């Protein structure tokens, strides 16, 4: 897929787009061949129970239905050898008259954590969401203990528009606050 507007997009030949800051990283819409690797990453995050509100005991079918819901545009970040390093989706945050604001979910593979993959996906998603016609991005539940994620969103210009007390039942920390984040595009 040729996508010259995004520095991390795959080129038709599989080459990385010019201007890329992270060597051998590409971000593109997920294909069927990416699906199983994406589900490994998503399943690990959901099973951990420390960042996403989904039931850690969800079945593989439930997890697949959550991540690949019809309203989701799913993307994949790949490294050398097309190794899946992360994934995210973009979807309308609300139906109808609220569908101009998007929501997104991001997961980086545990093996790639701290390597800039989350930031690269975040940057790409903001540009992509704008290209798709959204006017803002909002996250409805960012767990306060998810410091890495909060640092990324702060760096990318998101502001906290509210905090929900004890909104998340963290498996180790117990009831944990969560932030609602927003950023115009």
Foldseek 3Di string as FASTA:
>chain_A
DDDQVAQQAADPVRDGHPPDPDPFKHKDFDDPVCLVLQLVQQLVVLLQQAWDQDHNPDDSVVSSCVQVPVQWRKMFIAGPPRRTFKIKTKGQPDPDPRRLEIEMDITGHPVCPPVCPVLSVVVVVVVVSVVVRHFKYKYDWGWPVPVVVVVSCVVVPKDFPDKDWQPGQGPPPGRTITTMIMDTD
